[in-house]
Amino acid sequence: MELRQLRSFCVAARLQSISKAAEFLDIGQPTVTTHIKKLEEELGLILFDRIKRPILLTTSGESLNELAIPLIDGIDNLTANTSKLILESPVLIGATYDIIPHLLLPSVQFFNKSHPQARLNIRSGHRHEVIKMVENREVSFGIIPGREQSKGLTFKRLFKYERVLITPLGHPLLKKPVKSLADIVKYPLILLEKHSYTRVLLEEEFTNQGLEFQVVMELDSMDFIKQFVAIGMGVSIGPLLAIEQKDLEKLGVIRLDNLLMEDEGGLIIRKTQSQSKHALSFMETLGLIPNEVG
């Protein structure tokens, strides 16, 4: 016995017509007839008196109708409530600390205007913490720097994740080409704290090249780092996406494509996790927002 057979039977019984039932269900009349015949064959019962017009239920048909109507109504209500729940459920997003203010903020502003009925919940963390959020189904998807190839996760590239040297205006490093990281570590460094993605990669690179370096300040925000660099506390290396046009009035910015491998950032999603319409719409929004300084 199939649900669609019961639904065709119940609608035909209510409307007392095979053709009207087909029109109501938006299916062909032969399909409704087939559903009812298969139901009768499976139960070994005659459900309709087809001689009379309009068609009427037999005694067996009335008994089945009384049992089936609450079942069909319950399933229809469940489907409607589930759809409503999915529509009203917030989109859960995990993102790293540097991505939230510089990539996520404009995306959220754009999305809120185009989808005022949607709700967004955002959780922040380091790269490895965001990956865990996705793996543990704590968020719908994550946005991280660096390509991720963990088993069970899908990575979708969204943007370049380039790193740049950040100095005060008039700094000596701005006056000649920076040919190596050794040129940079001569100066005090203001860096993101130790668990950050950029900090880990930088220290690995410094160690590989046998470079000694001095970190005079550790912060968890590129916005704060830029302020301290601007007043001359040191220089920094950070993601290009954290540099806004207005920053160039107070800071010198040098691309390090020749010294550090170009990286990328993007979405991570569990391969087995389905996404709501609002989540999919927000993912599309992320691809529309520019995030690089020219």
C-alpha atoms as a PDB file:
ATOM      1  CA  MET A   1       0.000   0.000   0.000  1.00  0.00           C
ATOM      2  CA  GLU A   2       1.400   3.358  -1.006  1.00  0.00           C
ATOM      3  CA  LEU A   3       0.656   6.785   0.404  1.00  0.00           C
ATOM      4  CA  ARG A   4      -0.201   8.162  -3.045  1.00  0.00           C
ATOM      5  CA  GLN A   5      -2.816   5.415  -3.487  1.00  0.00           C
ATOM      6  CA  LEU A   6      -4.461   6.296  -0.182  1.00  0.00           C
ATOM      7  CA  ARG A   7      -4.390   9.999  -1.049  1.00  0.00           C
ATOM      8  CA  SER A   8      -6.079   9.390  -4.423  1.00  0.00           C
ATOM      9  CA  PHE A   9      -8.698   7.221  -2.699  1.00  0.00           C
ATOM     10  CA  CYS A  10      -9.461   9.802   0.008  1.00  0.00           C
ATOM     11  CA  VAL A  11      -9.757  12.703  -2.444  1.00  0.00           C
ATOM     12  CA  ALA A  12     -11.979  10.682  -4.798  1.00  0.00           C
ATOM     13  CA  ALA A  13     -14.183   9.685  -1.835  1.00  0.00           C
ATOM     14  CA  ARG A  14     -14.495  13.313  -0.697  1.00  0.00           C
ATOM     15  CA  LEU A  15     -15.237  14.712  -4.163  1.00  0.00           C
ATOM     16  CA  GLN A  16     -17.247  11.644  -5.276  1.00  0.00           C
ATOM     17  CA  SER A  17     -15.491  11.799  -8.646  1.00  0.00           C
ATOM     18  CA  ILE A  18     -12.378  10.275 -10.202  1.00  0.00           C
ATOM     19  CA  SER A  19     -12.004  13.165 -12.657  1.00  0.00           C
ATOM     20  CA  LYS A  20     -12.346  15.840  -9.964  1.00  0.00           C
ATOM     21  CA  ALA A  21      -9.846  14.011  -7.789  1.00  0.00           C
ATOM     22  CA  ALA A  22      -7.367  13.942 -10.672  1.00  0.00           C
ATOM     23  CA  GLU A  23      -7.852  17.681 -11.221  1.00  0.00           C
ATOM     24  CA  PHE A  24      -7.430  18.418  -7.506  1.00  0.00           C
ATOM     25  CA  LEU A  25      -4.254  16.319  -7.250  1.00  0.00           C
ATOM     26  CA  ASP A  26      -2.944  17.676 -10.565  1.00  0.00           C
ATOM     27  CA  ILE A  27      -2.404  14.193 -11.994  1.00  0.00           C
ATOM     28  CA  GLY A  28      -4.012  12.278 -14.860  1.00  0.00           C
ATOM     29  CA  GLN A  29      -7.404  10.626 -14.413  1.00  0.00           C
ATOM     30  CA  PRO A  30      -5.984   7.196 -15.423  1.00  0.00           C
ATOM     31  CA  THR A  31      -3.406   7.556 -12.641  1.00  0.00           C
ATOM     32  CA  VAL A  32      -6.095   8.051  -9.989  1.00  0.00           C
ATOM     33  CA  THR A  33      -8.045   5.088 -11.388  1.00  0.00           C
ATOM     34  CA  THR A  34      -4.888   2.922 -11.265  1.00  0.00           C
ATOM     35  CA  HIS A  35      -4.149   3.970  -7.675  1.00  0.00           C
ATOM     36  CA  ILE A  36      -7.620   2.973  -6.519  1.00  0.00           C
ATOM     37  CA  LYS A  37      -7.621  -0.326  -8.443  1.00  0.00           C
ATOM     38  CA  LYS A  38      -4.233  -1.311  -6.961  1.00  0.00           C
ATOM     39  CA  LEU A  39      -5.525  -0.458  -3.496  1.00  0.00           C
ATOM     40  CA  GLU A  40      -8.598  -2.626  -4.026  1.00  0.00           C
ATOM     41  CA  GLU A  41      -6.482  -5.509  -5.359  1.00  0.00           C
ATOM     42  CA  GLU A  42      -4.092  -5.327  -2.426  1.00  0.00           C
ATOM     43  CA  LEU A  43      -6.891  -5.202   0.154  1.00  0.00           C
ATOM     44  CA  GLY A  44      -9.178  -7.616  -1.687  1.00  0.00           C
ATOM     45  CA  LEU A  45     -12.064  -5.172  -1.307  1.00  0.00           C
ATOM     46  CA  ILE A  46     -14.381  -3.126  -3.505  1.00  0.00           C
ATOM     47  CA  LEU A  47     -14.102   0.456  -2.266  1.00  0.00           C
ATOM     48  CA  PHE A  48     -16.467   2.311  -4.619  1.00  0.00           C
ATOM     49  CA  ASP A  49     -19.884   1.599  -6.074  1.00  0.00           C
ATOM     50  CA  ARG A  50     -19.080   2.712  -9.602  1.00  0.00           C
ATOM     51  CA  ILE A  51     -22.545   2.061 -11.026  1.00  0.00           C
ATOM     52  CA  LYS A  52     -24.141   4.989  -9.252  1.00  0.00           C
ATOM     53  CA  ARG A  53     -23.324   8.590 -10.113  1.00  0.00           C
ATOM     54  CA  PRO A  54     -21.774  10.293  -8.370  1.00  0.00           C
ATOM     55  CA  ILE A  55     -19.645   7.361  -7.257  1.00  0.00           C
ATOM     56  CA  LEU A  56     -20.219   6.306  -3.666  1.00  0.00           C
ATOM     57  CA  LEU A  57     -18.177   4.443  -1.112  1.00  0.00           C
ATOM     58  CA  THR A  58     -19.074   0.873  -0.283  1.00  0.00           C
ATOM     59  CA  THR A  59     -19.276  -0.173   3.357  1.00  0.00           C
ATOM     60  CA  SER A  60     -15.647  -1.338   3.138  1.00  0.00           C
ATOM     61  CA  GLY A  61     -14.715   1.940   1.479  1.00  0.00           C
ATOM     62  CA  GLU A  62     -16.304   3.960   4.271  1.00  0.00           C
ATOM     63  CA  SER A  63     -14.362   2.010   6.876  1.00  0.00           C
ATOM     64  CA  LEU A  64     -11.076   2.551   5.060  1.00  0.00           C
ATOM     65  CA  ASN A  65     -11.858   6.230   4.535  1.00  0.00           C
ATOM     66  CA  GLU A  66     -12.383   6.743   8.279  1.00  0.00           C
ATOM     67  CA  LEU A  67      -8.993   5.187   8.959  1.00  0.00           C
ATOM     68  CA  ALA A  68      -7.113   6.865   6.118  1.00  0.00           C
ATOM     69  CA  ILE A  69      -8.278  10.486   6.434  1.00  0.00           C
ATOM     70  CA  PRO A  70      -6.488  11.172   9.778  1.00  0.00           C
ATOM     71  CA  LEU A  71      -3.351   9.520   8.393  1.00  0.00           C
ATOM     72  CA  ILE A  72      -3.327  11.597   5.191  1.00  0.00           C
ATOM     73  CA  ASP A  73      -4.147  14.817   7.071  1.00  0.00           C
ATOM     74  CA  GLY A  74      -1.405  14.109   9.597  1.00  0.00           C
ATOM     75  CA  ILE A  75       1.197  13.522   6.917  1.00  0.00           C
ATOM     76  CA  ASP A  76       0.123  16.645   5.014  1.00  0.00           C
ATOM     77  CA  ASN A  77       0.346  18.712   8.218  1.00  0.00           C
ATOM     78  CA  LEU A  78       3.743  17.203   8.992  1.00  0.00           C
ATOM     79  CA  THR A  79       5.024  18.155   5.536  1.00  0.00           C
ATOM     80  CA  ALA A  80       3.669  21.687   5.853  1.00  0.00           C
ATOM     81  CA  ASN A  81       5.090  22.151   9.360  1.00  0.00           C
ATOM     82  CA  THR A  82       8.456  20.724   8.331  1.00  0.00           C
ATOM     83  CA  SER A  83       8.636  23.097   5.362  1.00  0.00           C
ATOM     84  CA  LYS A  84       7.732  25.994   7.651  1.00  0.00           C
ATOM     85  CA  LEU A  85      10.346  24.912  10.198  1.00  0.00           C
ATOM     86  CA  ILE A  86      13.045  24.726   7.506  1.00  0.00           C
ATOM     87  CA  LEU A  87      12.040  28.150   6.206  1.00  0.00           C
ATOM     88  CA  GLU A  88      12.114  29.723   9.662  1.00  0.00           C
ATOM     89  CA  SER A  89      15.263  27.983  10.909  1.00  0.00           C
ATOM     90  CA  PRO A  90      18.328  30.239  10.981  1.00  0.00           C
ATOM     91  CA  VAL A  91      21.276  29.730   8.672  1.00  0.00           C
ATOM     92  CA  LEU A  92      24.158  28.705  10.945  1.00  0.00           C
ATOM     93  CA  ILE A  93      27.521  30.000   9.728  1.00  0.00           C
ATOM     94  CA  GLY A  94      31.002  29.400  11.095  1.00  0.00           C
ATOM     95  CA  ALA A  95      33.829  31.711  10.055  1.00  0.00           C
ATOM     96  CA  THR A  96      37.330  32.717  11.138  1.00  0.00           C
ATOM     97  CA  TYR A  97      37.960  35.962  12.990  1.00  0.00           C
ATOM     98  CA  ASP A  98      39.550  37.762  10.027  1.00  0.00           C
ATOM     99  CA  ILE A  99      36.836  36.724   7.568  1.00  0.00           C
ATOM    100  CA  ILE A 100      33.864  37.874   9.662  1.00  0.00           C
ATOM    101  CA  PRO A 101      34.477  41.665   9.533  1.00  0.00           C
ATOM    102  CA  HIS A 102      35.943  41.836   6.034  1.00  0.00           C
ATOM    103  CA  LEU A 103      34.118  39.265   3.911  1.00  0.00           C
ATOM    104  CA  LEU A 104      31.103  38.237   5.947  1.00  0.00           C
ATOM    105  CA  LEU A 105      29.937  41.706   7.020  1.00  0.00           C
ATOM    106  CA  PRO A 106      29.184  43.061   3.510  1.00  0.00           C
ATOM    107  CA  SER A 107      27.665  39.712   2.523  1.00  0.00           C
ATOM    108  CA  VAL A 108      25.325  39.775   5.529  1.00  0.00           C
ATOM    109  CA  GLN A 109      24.311  43.373   4.795  1.00  0.00           C
ATOM    110  CA  PHE A 110      23.483  42.476   1.191  1.00  0.00           C
ATOM    111  CA  PHE A 111      21.669  39.261   2.157  1.00  0.00           C
ATOM    112  CA  ASN A 112      19.534  40.914   4.853  1.00  0.00           C
ATOM    113  CA  LYS A 113      18.189  43.394   2.322  1.00  0.00           C
ATOM    114  CA  SER A 114      17.327  40.742  -0.251  1.00  0.00           C
ATOM    115  CA  HIS A 115      16.061  38.135   2.251  1.00  0.00           C
ATOM    116  CA  PRO A 116      14.488  40.091   5.150  1.00  0.00           C
ATOM    117  CA  GLN A 117      12.591  37.004   6.345  1.00  0.00           C
ATOM    118  CA  ALA A 118      15.756  34.920   6.800  1.00  0.00           C
ATOM    119  CA  ARG A 119      17.744  34.666  10.006  1.00  0.00           C
ATOM    120  CA  LEU A 120      21.502  34.245  10.257  1.00  0.00           C
ATOM    121  CA  ASN A 121      23.470  32.922  13.242  1.00  0.00           C
ATOM    122  CA  ILE A 122      27.241  33.376  13.064  1.00  0.00           C
ATOM    123  CA  ARG A 123      29.901  31.648  15.153  1.00  0.00           C
ATOM    124  CA  SER A 124      33.547  32.676  15.112  1.00  0.00           C
ATOM    125  CA  GLY A 125      36.686  30.668  15.703  1.00  0.00           C
ATOM    126  CA  HIS A 126      40.128  29.772  14.447  1.00  0.00           C
ATOM    127  CA  ARG A 127      40.387  27.795  11.244  1.00  0.00           C
ATOM    128  CA  HIS A 128      40.604  24.402  12.956  1.00  0.00           C
ATOM    129  CA  GLU A 129      37.670  25.326  15.219  1.00  0.00           C
ATOM    130  CA  VAL A 130      35.452  26.251  12.258  1.00  0.00           C
ATOM    131  CA  ILE A 131      36.322  22.937  10.591  1.00  0.00           C
ATOM    132  CA  LYS A 132      35.225  21.119  13.764  1.00  0.00           C
ATOM    133  CA  MET A 133      31.966  23.100  13.812  1.00  0.00           C
ATOM    134  CA  VAL A 134      31.175  21.837  10.320  1.00  0.00           C
ATOM    135  CA  GLU A 135      32.242  18.253  11.059  1.00  0.00           C
ATOM    136  CA  ASN A 136      30.093  18.190  14.214  1.00  0.00           C
ATOM    137  CA  ARG A 137      27.076  19.714  12.406  1.00  0.00           C
ATOM    138  CA  GLU A 138      27.122  22.728  14.712  1.00  0.00           C
ATOM    139  CA  VAL A 139      26.854  25.025  11.671  1.00  0.00           C
ATOM    140  CA  SER A 140      25.373  24.705   8.192  1.00  0.00           C
ATOM    141  CA  PHE A 141      28.717  25.528   6.576  1.00  0.00           C
ATOM    142  CA  GLY A 142      32.008  27.245   7.318  1.00  0.00           C
ATOM    143  CA  ILE A 143      34.101  29.943   5.655  1.00  0.00           C
ATOM    144  CA  ILE A 144      37.836  29.532   6.141  1.00  0.00           C
ATOM    145  CA  PRO A 145      41.197  30.570   4.731  1.00  0.00           C
ATOM    146  CA  GLY A 146      43.171  27.796   3.074  1.00  0.00           C
ATOM    147  CA  ARG A 147      41.987  24.865   0.996  1.00  0.00           C
ATOM    148  CA  GLU A 148      40.635  22.016   3.104  1.00  0.00           C
ATOM    149  CA  GLN A 149      40.784  18.388   2.001  1.00  0.00           C
ATOM    150  CA  SER A 150      39.457  16.560   5.053  1.00  0.00           C
ATOM    151  CA  LYS A 151      37.530  13.378   4.364  1.00  0.00           C
ATOM    152  CA  GLY A 152      33.799  14.017   4.423  1.00  0.00           C
ATOM    153  CA  LEU A 153      34.095  17.725   3.629  1.00  0.00           C
ATOM    154  CA  THR A 154      33.694  19.583   0.353  1.00  0.00           C
ATOM    155  CA  PHE A 155      35.701  22.754  -0.240  1.00  0.00           C
ATOM    156  CA  LYS A 156      34.407  25.401  -2.640  1.00  0.00           C
ATOM    157  CA  ARG A 157      36.833  28.187  -3.550  1.00  0.00           C
ATOM    158  CA  LEU A 158      35.437  31.684  -3.049  1.00  0.00           C
ATOM    159  CA  PHE A 159      38.358  34.083  -3.040  1.00  0.00           C
ATOM    160  CA  LYS A 160      42.106  34.517  -3.164  1.00  0.00           C
ATOM    161  CA  TYR A 161      43.726  34.587   0.252  1.00  0.00           C
ATOM    162  CA  GLU A 162      46.845  36.639  -0.381  1.00  0.00           C
ATOM    163  CA  ARG A 163      49.088  37.971   2.348  1.00  0.00           C
ATOM    164  CA  VAL A 164      50.604  41.429   2.334  1.00  0.00           C
ATOM    165  CA  LEU A 165      53.215  43.370   4.239  1.00  0.00           C
ATOM    166  CA  ILE A 166      51.671  46.218   6.227  1.00  0.00           C
ATOM    167  CA  THR A 167      53.849  49.173   7.316  1.00  0.00           C
ATOM    168  CA  PRO A 168      53.451  52.732   8.525  1.00  0.00           C
ATOM    169  CA  LEU A 169      53.599  55.351   5.791  1.00  0.00           C
ATOM    170  CA  GLY A 170      57.174  56.398   5.028  1.00  0.00           C
ATOM    171  CA  HIS A 171      58.653  53.123   6.322  1.00  0.00           C
ATOM    172  CA  PRO A 172      62.050  52.095   4.850  1.00  0.00           C
ATOM    173  CA  LEU A 173      60.531  48.861   3.445  1.00  0.00           C
ATOM    174  CA  LEU A 174      58.386  50.993   1.137  1.00  0.00           C
ATOM    175  CA  LYS A 175      61.400  52.612  -0.487  1.00  0.00           C
ATOM    176  CA  LYS A 176      62.909  49.547  -2.151  1.00  0.00           C
ATOM    177  CA  PRO A 177      61.709  46.158  -3.368  1.00  0.00           C
ATOM    178  CA  VAL A 178      61.251  43.538  -0.635  1.00  0.00           C
ATOM    179  CA  LYS A 179      63.237  40.582  -1.961  1.00  0.00           C
ATOM    180  CA  SER A 180      63.011  38.182   0.981  1.00  0.00           C
ATOM    181  CA  LEU A 181      61.374  37.580   4.340  1.00  0.00           C
ATOM    182  CA  ALA A 182      64.783  38.341   5.857  1.00  0.00           C
ATOM    183  CA  ASP A 183      64.227  41.982   4.873  1.00  0.00           C
ATOM    184  CA  ILE A 184      61.017  42.002   6.901  1.00  0.00           C
ATOM    185  CA  VAL A 185      62.119  40.256  10.115  1.00  0.00           C
ATOM    186  CA  LYS A 186      64.699  42.982  10.714  1.00  0.00           C
ATOM    187  CA  TYR A 187      61.794  45.017  12.073  1.00  0.00           C
ATOM    188  CA  PRO A 188      59.498  44.404  15.087  1.00  0.00           C
ATOM    189  CA  LEU A 189      56.439  42.376  14.119  1.00  0.00           C
ATOM    190  CA  ILE A 190      52.827  42.808  15.129  1.00  0.00           C
ATOM    191  CA  LEU A 191      51.072  39.545  14.307  1.00  0.00           C
ATOM    192  CA  LEU A 192      47.856  37.692  14.809  1.00  0.00           C
ATOM    193  CA  GLU A 193      47.960  35.415  17.838  1.00  0.00           C
ATOM    194  CA  LYS A 194      49.582  31.994  17.703  1.00  0.00           C
ATOM    195  CA  HIS A 195      46.593  29.826  16.779  1.00  0.00           C
ATOM    196  CA  SER A 196      45.654  31.909  13.737  1.00  0.00           C
ATOM    197  CA  TYR A 197      46.097  30.419  10.271  1.00  0.00           C
ATOM    198  CA  THR A 198      48.413  33.172   9.006  1.00  0.00           C
ATOM    199  CA  ARG A 199      50.583  33.141  12.131  1.00  0.00           C
ATOM    200  CA  VAL A 200      51.122  29.381  11.954  1.00  0.00           C
ATOM    201  CA  LEU A 201      52.132  29.513   8.284  1.00  0.00           C
ATOM    202  CA  LEU A 202      54.424  32.507   8.828  1.00  0.00           C
ATOM    203  CA  GLU A 203      56.291  30.897  11.717  1.00  0.00           C
ATOM    204  CA  GLU A 204      56.715  27.708   9.686  1.00  0.00           C
ATOM    205  CA  GLU A 205      58.180  29.741   6.827  1.00  0.00           C
ATOM    206  CA  PHE A 206      60.487  31.712   9.138  1.00  0.00           C
ATOM    207  CA  THR A 207      61.696  28.463  10.713  1.00  0.00           C
ATOM    208  CA  ASN A 208      62.243  26.791   7.338  1.00  0.00           C
ATOM    209  CA  GLN A 209      64.405  29.720   6.266  1.00  0.00           C
ATOM    210  CA  GLY A 210      66.274  29.843   9.581  1.00  0.00           C
ATOM    211  CA  LEU A 211      65.118  33.373  10.329  1.00  0.00           C
ATOM    212  CA  GLU A 212      65.020  34.946  13.768  1.00  0.00           C
ATOM    213  CA  PHE A 213      62.113  37.297  14.374  1.00  0.00           C
ATOM    214  CA  GLN A 214      60.735  39.485  17.143  1.00  0.00           C
ATOM    215  CA  VAL A 215      57.014  39.657  17.832  1.00  0.00           C
ATOM    216  CA  VAL A 216      56.352  42.784  19.904  1.00  0.00           C
ATOM    217  CA  MET A 217      52.581  42.451  19.938  1.00  0.00           C
ATOM    218  CA  GLU A 218      50.020  39.656  19.420  1.00  0.00           C
ATOM    219  CA  LEU A 219      46.411  40.547  18.690  1.00  0.00           C
ATOM    220  CA  ASP A 220      43.322  38.629  17.563  1.00  0.00           C
ATOM    221  CA  SER A 221      42.079  41.377  15.258  1.00  0.00           C
ATOM    222  CA  MET A 222      43.580  42.694  12.026  1.00  0.00           C
ATOM    223  CA  ASP A 223      41.725  45.960  12.596  1.00  0.00           C
ATOM    224  CA  PHE A 224      43.638  46.508  15.850  1.00  0.00           C
ATOM    225  CA  ILE A 225      46.886  45.399  14.229  1.00  0.00           C
ATOM    226  CA  LYS A 226      46.471  48.017  11.499  1.00  0.00           C
ATOM    227  CA  GLN A 227      46.010  50.743  14.124  1.00  0.00           C
ATOM    228  CA  PHE A 228      49.198  49.837  15.972  1.00  0.00           C
ATOM    229  CA  VAL A 229      51.156  49.540  12.731  1.00  0.00           C
ATOM    230  CA  ALA A 230      49.936  53.000  11.722  1.00  0.00           C
ATOM    231  CA  ILE A 231      51.390  54.574  14.890  1.00  0.00           C
ATOM    232  CA  GLY A 232      54.780  52.950  14.324  1.00  0.00           C
ATOM    233  CA  MET A 233      54.807  50.030  16.777  1.00  0.00           C
ATOM    234  CA  GLY A 234      56.036  47.641  14.091  1.00  0.00           C
ATOM    235  CA  VAL A 235      55.142  46.015  10.779  1.00  0.00           C
ATOM    236  CA  SER A 236      52.788  43.148  10.075  1.00  0.00           C
ATOM    237  CA  ILE A 237      51.950  40.456   7.568  1.00  0.00           C
ATOM    238  CA  GLY A 238      48.271  39.766   7.167  1.00  0.00           C
ATOM    239  CA  PRO A 239      45.567  38.831   4.667  1.00  0.00           C
ATOM    240  CA  LEU A 240      44.879  41.237   1.838  1.00  0.00           C
ATOM    241  CA  LEU A 241      41.138  40.931   2.421  1.00  0.00           C
ATOM    242  CA  ALA A 242      41.633  42.799   5.723  1.00  0.00           C
ATOM    243  CA  ILE A 243      42.894  45.888   3.871  1.00  0.00           C
ATOM    244  CA  GLU A 244      40.255  48.456   3.017  1.00  0.00           C
ATOM    245  CA  GLN A 245      40.673  51.429   0.716  1.00  0.00           C
ATOM    246  CA  LYS A 246      40.621  53.881   3.616  1.00  0.00           C
ATOM    247  CA  ASP A 247      43.543  52.021   5.242  1.00  0.00           C
ATOM    248  CA  LEU A 248      45.818  53.154   2.426  1.00  0.00           C
ATOM    249  CA  GLU A 249      45.627  56.712   3.800  1.00  0.00           C
ATOM    250  CA  LYS A 250      47.586  55.601   6.892  1.00  0.00           C
ATOM    251  CA  LEU A 251      49.380  52.419   5.864  1.00  0.00           C
ATOM    252  CA  GLY A 252      51.781  51.143   3.269  1.00  0.00           C
ATOM    253  CA  VAL A 253      50.786  47.804   1.730  1.00  0.00           C
ATOM    254  CA  ILE A 254      53.128  45.568  -0.281  1.00  0.00           C
ATOM    255  CA  ARG A 255      52.040  42.357  -1.957  1.00  0.00           C
ATOM    256  CA  LEU A 256      54.163  39.341  -1.083  1.00  0.00           C
ATOM    257  CA  ASP A 257      53.240  37.097  -4.013  1.00  0.00           C
ATOM    258  CA  ASN A 258      56.933  36.580  -4.718  1.00  0.00           C
ATOM    259  CA  LEU A 259      57.699  35.464  -1.152  1.00  0.00           C
ATOM    260  CA  LEU A 260      54.625  33.597   0.081  1.00  0.00           C
ATOM    261  CA  MET A 261      52.632  31.058  -1.893  1.00  0.00           C
ATOM    262  CA  GLU A 262      49.260  32.324  -3.044  1.00  0.00           C
ATOM    263  CA  ASP A 263      46.515  30.790  -0.970  1.00  0.00           C
ATOM    264  CA  GLU A 264      42.744  30.654  -1.260  1.00  0.00           C
ATOM    265  CA  GLY A 265      39.706  30.647   0.945  1.00  0.00           C
ATOM    266  CA  GLY A 266      36.199  29.345   0.629  1.00  0.00           C
ATOM    267  CA  LEU A 267      33.277  27.334   1.890  1.00  0.00           C
ATOM    268  CA  ILE A 268      33.486  23.994   3.642  1.00  0.00           C
ATOM    269  CA  ILE A 269      30.396  21.799   3.747  1.00  0.00           C
ATOM    270  CA  ARG A 270      29.730  18.267   4.939  1.00  0.00           C
ATOM    271  CA  LYS A 271      29.225  16.052   1.889  1.00  0.00           C
ATOM    272  CA  THR A 272      26.203  14.382   3.462  1.00  0.00           C
ATOM    273  CA  GLN A 273      24.552  17.538   4.796  1.00  0.00           C
ATOM    274  CA  SER A 274      21.621  19.038   2.912  1.00  0.00           C
ATOM    275  CA  GLN A 275      21.203  22.823   2.870  1.00  0.00           C
ATOM    276  CA  SER A 276      18.086  24.959   3.235  1.00  0.00           C
ATOM    277  CA  LYS A 277      17.052  27.390   0.519  1.00  0.00           C
ATOM    278  CA  HIS A 278      18.211  30.314   2.656  1.00  0.00           C
ATOM    279  CA  ALA A 279      21.598  28.687   3.222  1.00  0.00           C
ATOM    280  CA  LEU A 280      22.025  28.114  -0.510  1.00  0.00           C
ATOM    281  CA  SER A 281      20.985  31.715  -1.201  1.00  0.00           C
ATOM    282  CA  PHE A 282      23.556  33.018   1.269  1.00  0.00           C
ATOM    283  CA  MET A 283      26.273  30.914  -0.364  1.00  0.00           C
ATOM    284  CA  GLU A 284      25.365  32.551  -3.670  1.00  0.00           C
ATOM    285  CA  THR A 285      25.563  35.965  -1.999  1.00  0.00           C
ATOM    286  CA  LEU A 286      29.100  35.253  -0.802  1.00  0.00           C
ATOM    287  CA  GLY A 287      30.231  34.888  -4.403  1.00  0.00           C
ATOM    288  CA  LEU A 288      28.817  38.303  -5.330  1.00  0.00           C
ATOM    289  CA  ILE A 289      30.689  40.443  -2.807  1.00  0.00           C
ATOM    290  CA  PRO A 290      34.088  41.865  -3.883  1.00  0.00           C
ATOM    291  CA  ASN A 291      36.750  41.306  -1.228  1.00  0.00           C
ATOM    292  CA  GLU A 292      40.080  42.354  -2.685  1.00  0.00           C
ATOM    293  CA  VAL A 293      41.931  45.654  -2.834  1.00  0.00           C
ATOM    294  CA  GLY A 294      43.015  46.521  -6.340  1.00  0.00           C
END
